[in-house]
Amino acid sequence: MKKTKRRFKVCEWSQSSLTPSEILTLRTKTLNVSQSIFAELIGVSPRAITSWECSWRKPSVAVQKLIRQLQENPQLAINAIGEKK
């Protein structure tokens, strides 16, 4: 194996992983939408939403960031849902 002098910085995310209850609360109480509408809103399958809410899998870091943005400003999601109707 070739040795190099390159050094890489590892990014550490300041935000902890989303919990299934956070995702469920955002979807049901804050946005009041079904799994299929929430999935369409963030660009994933409804099955992915189910797997996150049941703790079978975790969303990717990119999706977690998007969900955090929606938690901080749910009006973005509400506007996007209104435009699709």
PDB file of N, CA and C in Angstrom:
ATOM      1  N   MET A   1       0.848  -1.175   0.000  1.00  0.00           N
ATOM      2  CA  MET A   1       0.000   0.000   0.000  1.00  0.00           C
ATOM      3  C   MET A   1       0.896   1.242   0.000  1.00  0.00           C
ATOM      4  N   LYS A   2       0.585   2.187  -0.805  1.00  0.00           N
ATOM      5  CA  LYS A   2       1.358   3.411  -0.929  1.00  0.00           C
ATOM      6  C   LYS A   2       1.064   4.357   0.231  1.00  0.00           C
ATOM      7  N   LYS A   3       2.101   4.869   0.838  1.00  0.00           N
ATOM      8  CA  LYS A   3       1.924   5.831   1.928  1.00  0.00           C
ATOM      9  C   LYS A   3       1.964   7.241   1.356  1.00  0.00           C
ATOM     10  N   THR A   4       1.109   8.076   1.843  1.00  0.00           N
ATOM     11  CA  THR A   4       1.074   9.470   1.406  1.00  0.00           C
ATOM     12  C   THR A   4       1.104  10.373   2.627  1.00  0.00           C
ATOM     13  N   LYS A   5       1.320  11.636   2.370  1.00  0.00           N
ATOM     14  CA  LYS A   5       1.342  12.613   3.456  1.00  0.00           C
ATOM     15  C   LYS A   5       0.043  13.400   3.532  1.00  0.00           C
ATOM     16  N   ARG A   6      -0.923  12.991   2.766  1.00  0.00           N
ATOM     17  CA  ARG A   6      -2.199  13.685   2.772  1.00  0.00           C
ATOM     18  C   ARG A   6      -2.909  13.462   4.102  1.00  0.00           C
ATOM     19  N   ARG A   7      -3.547  14.494   4.537  1.00  0.00           N
ATOM     20  CA  ARG A   7      -4.345  14.410   5.751  1.00  0.00           C
ATOM     21  C   ARG A   7      -5.750  14.882   5.442  1.00  0.00           C
ATOM     22  N   PHE A   8      -6.689  14.210   6.000  1.00  0.00           N
ATOM     23  CA  PHE A   8      -8.079  14.530   5.763  1.00  0.00           C
ATOM     24  C   PHE A   8      -8.739  14.881   7.083  1.00  0.00           C
ATOM     25  N   LYS A   9      -9.583  15.861   7.018  1.00  0.00           N
ATOM     26  CA  LYS A   9     -10.366  16.219   8.195  1.00  0.00           C
ATOM     27  C   LYS A   9     -11.684  15.476   8.133  1.00  0.00           C
ATOM     28  N   VAL A  10     -12.056  14.938   9.226  1.00  0.00           N
ATOM     29  CA  VAL A  10     -13.329  14.236   9.309  1.00  0.00           C
ATOM     30  C   VAL A  10     -14.353  15.203   9.869  1.00  0.00           C
ATOM     31  N   CYS A  11     -15.440  15.341   9.152  1.00  0.00           N
ATOM     32  CA  CYS A  11     -16.502  16.233   9.607  1.00  0.00           C
ATOM     33  C   CYS A  11     -17.281  15.566  10.728  1.00  0.00           C
ATOM     34  N   GLU A  12     -17.507  16.295  11.761  1.00  0.00           N
ATOM     35  CA  GLU A  12     -18.360  15.809  12.830  1.00  0.00           C
ATOM     36  C   GLU A  12     -19.607  16.670  12.837  1.00  0.00           C
ATOM     37  N   TRP A  13     -20.745  16.021  12.800  1.00  0.00           N
ATOM     38  CA  TRP A  13     -21.999  16.740  12.761  1.00  0.00           C
ATOM     39  C   TRP A  13     -22.356  17.179  14.163  1.00  0.00           C
ATOM     40  N   SER A  14     -22.657  18.443  14.288  1.00  0.00           N
ATOM     41  CA  SER A  14     -22.998  18.984  15.598  1.00  0.00           C
ATOM     42  C   SER A  14     -24.381  18.530  16.051  1.00  0.00           C
ATOM     43  N   GLN A  15     -25.219  18.206  15.094  1.00  0.00           N
ATOM     44  CA  GLN A  15     -26.568  17.784  15.448  1.00  0.00           C
ATOM     45  C   GLN A  15     -26.602  16.276  15.625  1.00  0.00           C
ATOM     46  N   SER A  16     -27.296  15.839  16.635  1.00  0.00           N
ATOM     47  CA  SER A  16     -27.437  14.410  16.846  1.00  0.00           C
ATOM     48  C   SER A  16     -28.458  13.854  15.861  1.00  0.00           C
ATOM     49  N   SER A  17     -28.482  12.541  15.752  1.00  0.00           N
ATOM     50  CA  SER A  17     -29.426  11.895  14.851  1.00  0.00           C
ATOM     51  C   SER A  17     -30.859  12.177  15.288  1.00  0.00           C
ATOM     52  N   LEU A  18     -31.722  12.208  14.315  1.00  0.00           N
ATOM     53  CA  LEU A  18     -33.141  12.372  14.611  1.00  0.00           C
ATOM     54  C   LEU A  18     -33.685  11.104  15.251  1.00  0.00           C
ATOM     55  N   THR A  19     -34.561  11.255  16.179  1.00  0.00           N
ATOM     56  CA  THR A  19     -35.215  10.096  16.767  1.00  0.00           C
ATOM     57  C   THR A  19     -36.496   9.800  15.994  1.00  0.00           C
ATOM     58  N   PRO A  20     -36.943   8.566  16.018  1.00  0.00           N
ATOM     59  CA  PRO A  20     -38.204   8.245  15.339  1.00  0.00           C
ATOM     60  C   PRO A  20     -39.370   9.097  15.844  1.00  0.00           C
ATOM     61  N   SER A  21     -39.378   9.388  17.127  1.00  0.00           N
ATOM     62  CA  SER A  21     -40.484  10.200  17.659  1.00  0.00           C
ATOM     63  C   SER A  21     -40.437  11.635  17.137  1.00  0.00           C
ATOM     64  N   GLU A  22     -39.252  12.171  16.878  1.00  0.00           N
ATOM     65  CA  GLU A  22     -39.150  13.521  16.304  1.00  0.00           C
ATOM     66  C   GLU A  22     -39.740  13.549  14.897  1.00  0.00           C
ATOM     67  N   ILE A  23     -39.431  12.527  14.121  1.00  0.00           N
ATOM     68  CA  ILE A  23     -39.955  12.451  12.755  1.00  0.00           C
ATOM     69  C   ILE A  23     -41.475  12.307  12.790  1.00  0.00           C
ATOM     70  N   LEU A  24     -41.946  11.420  13.643  1.00  0.00           N
ATOM     71  CA  LEU A  24     -43.384  11.191  13.762  1.00  0.00           C
ATOM     72  C   LEU A  24     -44.117  12.442  14.235  1.00  0.00           C
ATOM     73  N   THR A  25     -43.555  13.135  15.210  1.00  0.00           N
ATOM     74  CA  THR A  25     -44.174  14.361  15.729  1.00  0.00           C
ATOM     75  C   THR A  25     -44.240  15.444  14.659  1.00  0.00           C
ATOM     76  N   LEU A  26     -43.150  15.618  13.920  1.00  0.00           N
ATOM     77  CA  LEU A  26     -43.148  16.613  12.842  1.00  0.00           C
ATOM     78  C   LEU A  26     -44.230  16.280  11.821  1.00  0.00           C
ATOM     79  N   ARG A  27     -44.295  15.026  11.421  1.00  0.00           N
ATOM     80  CA  ARG A  27     -45.237  14.629  10.381  1.00  0.00           C
ATOM     81  C   ARG A  27     -46.690  14.707  10.850  1.00  0.00           C
ATOM     82  N   THR A  28     -46.976  14.201  12.043  1.00  0.00           N
ATOM     83  CA  THR A  28     -48.376  14.097  12.471  1.00  0.00           C
ATOM     84  C   THR A  28     -48.906  15.322  13.200  1.00  0.00           C
ATOM     85  N   LYS A  29     -48.102  15.892  14.079  1.00  0.00           N
ATOM     86  CA  LYS A  29     -48.606  17.005  14.893  1.00  0.00           C
ATOM     87  C   LYS A  29     -48.311  18.368  14.279  1.00  0.00           C
ATOM     88  N   THR A  30     -47.116  18.556  13.768  1.00  0.00           N
ATOM     89  CA  THR A  30     -46.755  19.866  13.222  1.00  0.00           C
ATOM     90  C   THR A  30     -47.330  20.075  11.820  1.00  0.00           C
ATOM     91  N   LEU A  31     -47.085  19.093  10.938  1.00  0.00           N
ATOM     92  CA  LEU A  31     -47.532  19.246   9.549  1.00  0.00           C
ATOM     93  C   LEU A  31     -48.895  18.624   9.284  1.00  0.00           C
ATOM     94  N   ASN A  32     -49.278  17.639  10.085  1.00  0.00           N
ATOM     95  CA  ASN A  32     -50.557  16.946   9.948  1.00  0.00           C
ATOM     96  C   ASN A  32     -50.737  16.368   8.542  1.00  0.00           C
ATOM     97  N   VAL A  33     -49.751  15.567   8.118  1.00  0.00           N
ATOM     98  CA  VAL A  33     -49.799  14.946   6.790  1.00  0.00           C
ATOM     99  C   VAL A  33     -49.580  13.440   6.906  1.00  0.00           C
ATOM    100  N   SER A  34     -49.986  12.727   5.863  1.00  0.00           N
ATOM    101  CA  SER A  34     -49.785  11.282   5.806  1.00  0.00           C
ATOM    102  C   SER A  34     -48.328  10.964   5.475  1.00  0.00           C
ATOM    103  N   GLN A  35     -47.978   9.690   5.620  1.00  0.00           N
ATOM    104  CA  GLN A  35     -46.624   9.270   5.274  1.00  0.00           C
ATOM    105  C   GLN A  35     -46.329   9.506   3.799  1.00  0.00           C
ATOM    106  N   SER A  36     -47.302   9.257   2.937  1.00  0.00           N
ATOM    107  CA  SER A  36     -47.061   9.427   1.507  1.00  0.00           C
ATOM    108  C   SER A  36     -46.840  10.888   1.128  1.00  0.00           C
ATOM    109  N   ILE A  37     -47.586  11.793   1.728  1.00  0.00           N
ATOM    110  CA  ILE A  37     -47.394  13.219   1.435  1.00  0.00           C
ATOM    111  C   ILE A  37     -46.057  13.699   1.993  1.00  0.00           C
ATOM    112  N   PHE A  38     -45.720  13.271   3.210  1.00  0.00           N
ATOM    113  CA  PHE A  38     -44.433  13.653   3.809  1.00  0.00           C
ATOM    114  C   PHE A  38     -43.280  13.101   2.977  1.00  0.00           C
ATOM    115  N   ALA A  39     -43.418  11.865   2.502  1.00  0.00           N
ATOM    116  CA  ALA A  39     -42.383  11.253   1.675  1.00  0.00           C
ATOM    117  C   ALA A  39     -42.188  12.028   0.374  1.00  0.00           C
ATOM    118  N   GLU A  40     -43.279  12.418  -0.246  1.00  0.00           N
ATOM    119  CA  GLU A  40     -43.201  13.199  -1.489  1.00  0.00           C
ATOM    120  C   GLU A  40     -42.554  14.560  -1.234  1.00  0.00           C
ATOM    121  N   LEU A  41     -42.875  15.127  -0.104  1.00  0.00           N
ATOM    122  CA  LEU A  41     -42.339  16.444   0.252  1.00  0.00           C
ATOM    123  C   LEU A  41     -40.812  16.435   0.367  1.00  0.00           C
ATOM    124  N   ILE A  42     -40.261  15.380   0.970  1.00  0.00           N
ATOM    125  CA  ILE A  42     -38.805  15.342   1.163  1.00  0.00           C
ATOM    126  C   ILE A  42     -38.078  14.470   0.143  1.00  0.00           C
ATOM    127  N   GLY A  43     -38.828  13.860  -0.767  1.00  0.00           N
ATOM    128  CA  GLY A  43     -38.208  13.140  -1.872  1.00  0.00           C
ATOM    129  C   GLY A  43     -37.749  11.727  -1.560  1.00  0.00           C
ATOM    130  N   VAL A  44     -38.509  11.020  -0.752  1.00  0.00           N
ATOM    131  CA  VAL A  44     -38.199   9.624  -0.451  1.00  0.00           C
ATOM    132  C   VAL A  44     -39.466   8.795  -0.621  1.00  0.00           C
ATOM    133  N   SER A  45     -39.349   7.494  -0.443  1.00  0.00           N
ATOM    134  CA  SER A  45     -40.530   6.635  -0.561  1.00  0.00           C
ATOM    135  C   SER A  45     -41.290   6.590   0.756  1.00  0.00           C
ATOM    136  N   PRO A  46     -42.589   6.313   0.693  1.00  0.00           N
ATOM    137  CA  PRO A  46     -43.355   6.154   1.932  1.00  0.00           C
ATOM    138  C   PRO A  46     -42.810   5.024   2.809  1.00  0.00           C
ATOM    139  N   ARG A  47     -42.260   4.007   2.178  1.00  0.00           N
ATOM    140  CA  ARG A  47     -41.667   2.895   2.929  1.00  0.00           C
ATOM    141  C   ARG A  47     -40.479   3.374   3.766  1.00  0.00           C
ATOM    142  N   ALA A  48     -39.725   4.343   3.252  1.00  0.00           N
ATOM    143  CA  ALA A  48     -38.606   4.902   4.022  1.00  0.00           C
ATOM    144  C   ALA A  48     -39.117   5.592   5.286  1.00  0.00           C
ATOM    145  N   ILE A  49     -40.202   6.331   5.150  1.00  0.00           N
ATOM    146  CA  ILE A  49     -40.793   7.001   6.314  1.00  0.00           C
ATOM    147  C   ILE A  49     -41.195   5.968   7.362  1.00  0.00           C
ATOM    148  N   THR A  50     -41.833   4.896   6.912  1.00  0.00           N
ATOM    149  CA  THR A  50     -42.235   3.826   7.828  1.00  0.00           C
ATOM    150  C   THR A  50     -41.029   3.244   8.549  1.00  0.00           C
ATOM    151  N   SER A  51     -39.977   2.976   7.801  1.00  0.00           N
ATOM    152  CA  SER A  51     -38.792   2.365   8.418  1.00  0.00           C
ATOM    153  C   SER A  51     -38.119   3.305   9.413  1.00  0.00           C
ATOM    154  N   TRP A  52     -38.171   4.609   9.172  1.00  0.00           N
ATOM    155  CA  TRP A  52     -37.594   5.558  10.136  1.00  0.00           C
ATOM    156  C   TRP A  52     -38.443   5.623  11.394  1.00  0.00           C
ATOM    157  N   GLU A  53     -39.757   5.703  11.214  1.00  0.00           N
ATOM    158  CA  GLU A  53     -40.655   5.841  12.356  1.00  0.00           C
ATOM    159  C   GLU A  53     -40.690   4.573  13.213  1.00  0.00           C
ATOM    160  N   CYS A  54     -40.391   3.435  12.617  1.00  0.00           N
ATOM    161  CA  CYS A  54     -40.371   2.162  13.359  1.00  0.00           C
ATOM    162  C   CYS A  54     -38.973   1.810  13.864  1.00  0.00           C
ATOM    163  N   SER A  55     -38.015   2.680  13.666  1.00  0.00           N
ATOM    164  CA  SER A  55     -36.617   2.477  14.096  1.00  0.00           C
ATOM    165  C   SER A  55     -35.907   1.342  13.367  1.00  0.00           C
ATOM    166  N   TRP A  56     -36.379   0.980  12.184  1.00  0.00           N
ATOM    167  CA  TRP A  56     -35.695  -0.059  11.429  1.00  0.00           C
ATOM    168  C   TRP A  56     -34.465   0.507  10.732  1.00  0.00           C
ATOM    169  N   ARG A  57     -34.537   1.753  10.325  1.00  0.00           N
ATOM    170  CA  ARG A  57     -33.432   2.430   9.642  1.00  0.00           C
ATOM    171  C   ARG A  57     -33.388   3.884  10.072  1.00  0.00           C
ATOM    172  N   LYS A  58     -32.264   4.533   9.747  1.00  0.00           N
ATOM    173  CA  LYS A  58     -32.127   5.969  10.013  1.00  0.00           C
ATOM    174  C   LYS A  58     -32.049   6.709   8.684  1.00  0.00           C
ATOM    175  N   PRO A  59     -32.578   7.916   8.636  1.00  0.00           N
ATOM    176  CA  PRO A  59     -32.446   8.705   7.401  1.00  0.00           C
ATOM    177  C   PRO A  59     -30.994   9.115   7.180  1.00  0.00           C
ATOM    178  N   SER A  60     -30.648   9.358   5.925  1.00  0.00           N
ATOM    179  CA  SER A  60     -29.294   9.813   5.603  1.00  0.00           C
ATOM    180  C   SER A  60     -29.046  11.178   6.245  1.00  0.00           C
ATOM    181  N   VAL A  61     -27.802  11.568   6.308  1.00  0.00           N
ATOM    182  CA  VAL A  61     -27.442  12.856   6.902  1.00  0.00           C
ATOM    183  C   VAL A  61     -28.113  13.999   6.142  1.00  0.00           C
ATOM    184  N   ALA A  62     -28.153  13.897   4.820  1.00  0.00           N
ATOM    185  CA  ALA A  62     -28.785  14.950   4.013  1.00  0.00           C
ATOM    186  C   ALA A  62     -30.269  15.078   4.334  1.00  0.00           C
ATOM    187  N   VAL A  63     -30.946  13.945   4.460  1.00  0.00           N
ATOM    188  CA  VAL A  63     -32.375  13.967   4.778  1.00  0.00           C
ATOM    189  C   VAL A  63     -32.588  14.465   6.205  1.00  0.00           C
ATOM    190  N   GLN A  64     -31.694  14.089   7.116  1.00  0.00           N
ATOM    191  CA  GLN A  64     -31.807  14.588   8.483  1.00  0.00           C
ATOM    192  C   GLN A  64     -31.692  16.106   8.522  1.00  0.00           C
ATOM    193  N   LYS A  65     -30.786  16.648   7.734  1.00  0.00           N
ATOM    194  CA  LYS A  65     -30.650  18.113   7.671  1.00  0.00           C
ATOM    195  C   LYS A  65     -31.926  18.752   7.132  1.00  0.00           C
ATOM    196  N   LEU A  66     -32.501  18.146   6.104  1.00  0.00           N
ATOM    197  CA  LEU A  66     -33.745  18.671   5.540  1.00  0.00           C
ATOM    198  C   LEU A  66     -34.868  18.629   6.570  1.00  0.00           C
ATOM    199  N   ILE A  67     -34.972  17.521   7.278  1.00  0.00           N
ATOM    200  CA  ILE A  67     -36.016  17.400   8.299  1.00  0.00           C
ATOM    201  C   ILE A  67     -35.787  18.413   9.420  1.00  0.00           C
ATOM    202  N   ARG A  68     -34.543  18.637   9.801  1.00  0.00           N
ATOM    203  CA  ARG A  68     -34.240  19.655  10.825  1.00  0.00           C
ATOM    204  C   ARG A  68     -34.677  21.042  10.346  1.00  0.00           C
ATOM    205  N   GLN A  69     -34.463  21.331   9.066  1.00  0.00           N
ATOM    206  CA  GLN A  69     -34.899  22.614   8.514  1.00  0.00           C
ATOM    207  C   GLN A  69     -36.423  22.740   8.599  1.00  0.00           C
ATOM    208  N   LEU A  70     -37.112  21.651   8.320  1.00  0.00           N
ATOM    209  CA  LEU A  70     -38.578  21.668   8.402  1.00  0.00           C
ATOM    210  C   LEU A  70     -39.050  21.818   9.846  1.00  0.00           C
ATOM    211  N   GLN A  71     -38.295  21.254  10.791  1.00  0.00           N
ATOM    212  CA  GLN A  71     -38.646  21.427  12.204  1.00  0.00           C
ATOM    213  C   GLN A  71     -38.502  22.887  12.617  1.00  0.00           C
ATOM    214  N   GLU A  72     -37.430  23.522  12.138  1.00  0.00           N
ATOM    215  CA  GLU A  72     -37.180  24.919  12.498  1.00  0.00           C
ATOM    216  C   GLU A  72     -38.145  25.869  11.814  1.00  0.00           C
ATOM    217  N   ASN A  73     -38.566  25.523  10.600  1.00  0.00           N
ATOM    218  CA  ASN A  73     -39.464  26.399   9.846  1.00  0.00           C
ATOM    219  C   ASN A  73     -40.532  25.556   9.141  1.00  0.00           C
ATOM    220  N   PRO A  74     -41.523  25.079   9.875  1.00  0.00           N
ATOM    221  CA  PRO A  74     -42.542  24.225   9.267  1.00  0.00           C
ATOM    222  C   PRO A  74     -43.378  24.931   8.199  1.00  0.00           C
ATOM    223  N   GLN A  75     -43.369  26.251   8.197  1.00  0.00           N
ATOM    224  CA  GLN A  75     -44.132  26.990   7.194  1.00  0.00           C
ATOM    225  C   GLN A  75     -43.632  26.681   5.780  1.00  0.00           C
ATOM    226  N   LEU A  76     -42.341  26.350   5.622  1.00  0.00           N
ATOM    227  CA  LEU A  76     -41.810  25.950   4.324  1.00  0.00           C
ATOM    228  C   LEU A  76     -42.554  24.738   3.788  1.00  0.00           C
ATOM    229  N   ALA A  77     -42.730  23.757   4.642  1.00  0.00           N
ATOM    230  CA  ALA A  77     -43.418  22.544   4.234  1.00  0.00           C
ATOM    231  C   ALA A  77     -44.896  22.805   3.974  1.00  0.00           C
ATOM    232  N   ILE A  78     -45.497  23.590   4.836  1.00  0.00           N
ATOM    233  CA  ILE A  78     -46.926  23.894   4.684  1.00  0.00           C
ATOM    234  C   ILE A  78     -47.169  24.619   3.364  1.00  0.00           C
ATOM    235  N   ASN A  79     -46.302  25.552   3.012  1.00  0.00           N
ATOM    236  CA  ASN A  79     -46.419  26.250   1.724  1.00  0.00           C
ATOM    237  C   ASN A  79     -46.253  25.295   0.557  1.00  0.00           C
ATOM    238  N   ALA A  80     -45.267  24.385   0.661  1.00  0.00           N
ATOM    239  CA  ALA A  80     -45.022  23.432  -0.432  1.00  0.00           C
ATOM    240  C   ALA A  80     -46.206  22.487  -0.588  1.00  0.00           C
ATOM    241  N   ILE A  81     -46.802  22.070   0.501  1.00  0.00           N
ATOM    242  CA  ILE A  81     -47.963  21.175   0.440  1.00  0.00           C
ATOM    243  C   ILE A  81     -49.142  21.906  -0.177  1.00  0.00           C
ATOM    244  N   GLY A  82     -49.328  23.164   0.185  1.00  0.00           N
ATOM    245  CA  GLY A  82     -50.418  23.965  -0.370  1.00  0.00           C
ATOM    246  C   GLY A  82     -50.299  24.182  -1.861  1.00  0.00           C
ATOM    247  N   GLU A  83     -49.059  24.319  -2.359  1.00  0.00           N
ATOM    248  CA  GLU A  83     -48.836  24.526  -3.787  1.00  0.00           C
ATOM    249  C   GLU A  83     -49.164  23.282  -4.591  1.00  0.00           C
ATOM    250  N   LYS A  84     -49.017  22.099  -4.002  1.00  0.00           N
ATOM    251  CA  LYS A  84     -49.257  20.852  -4.726  1.00  0.00           C
ATOM    252  C   LYS A  84     -50.730  20.512  -4.823  1.00  0.00           C
ATOM    253  N   LYS A  85     -51.552  21.102  -3.979  1.00  0.00           N
ATOM    254  CA  LYS A  85     -52.995  20.782  -3.996  1.00  0.00           C
ATOM    255  C   LYS A  85     -53.691  21.416  -5.161  1.00  0.00           C
TER     256      LYS A  85
END
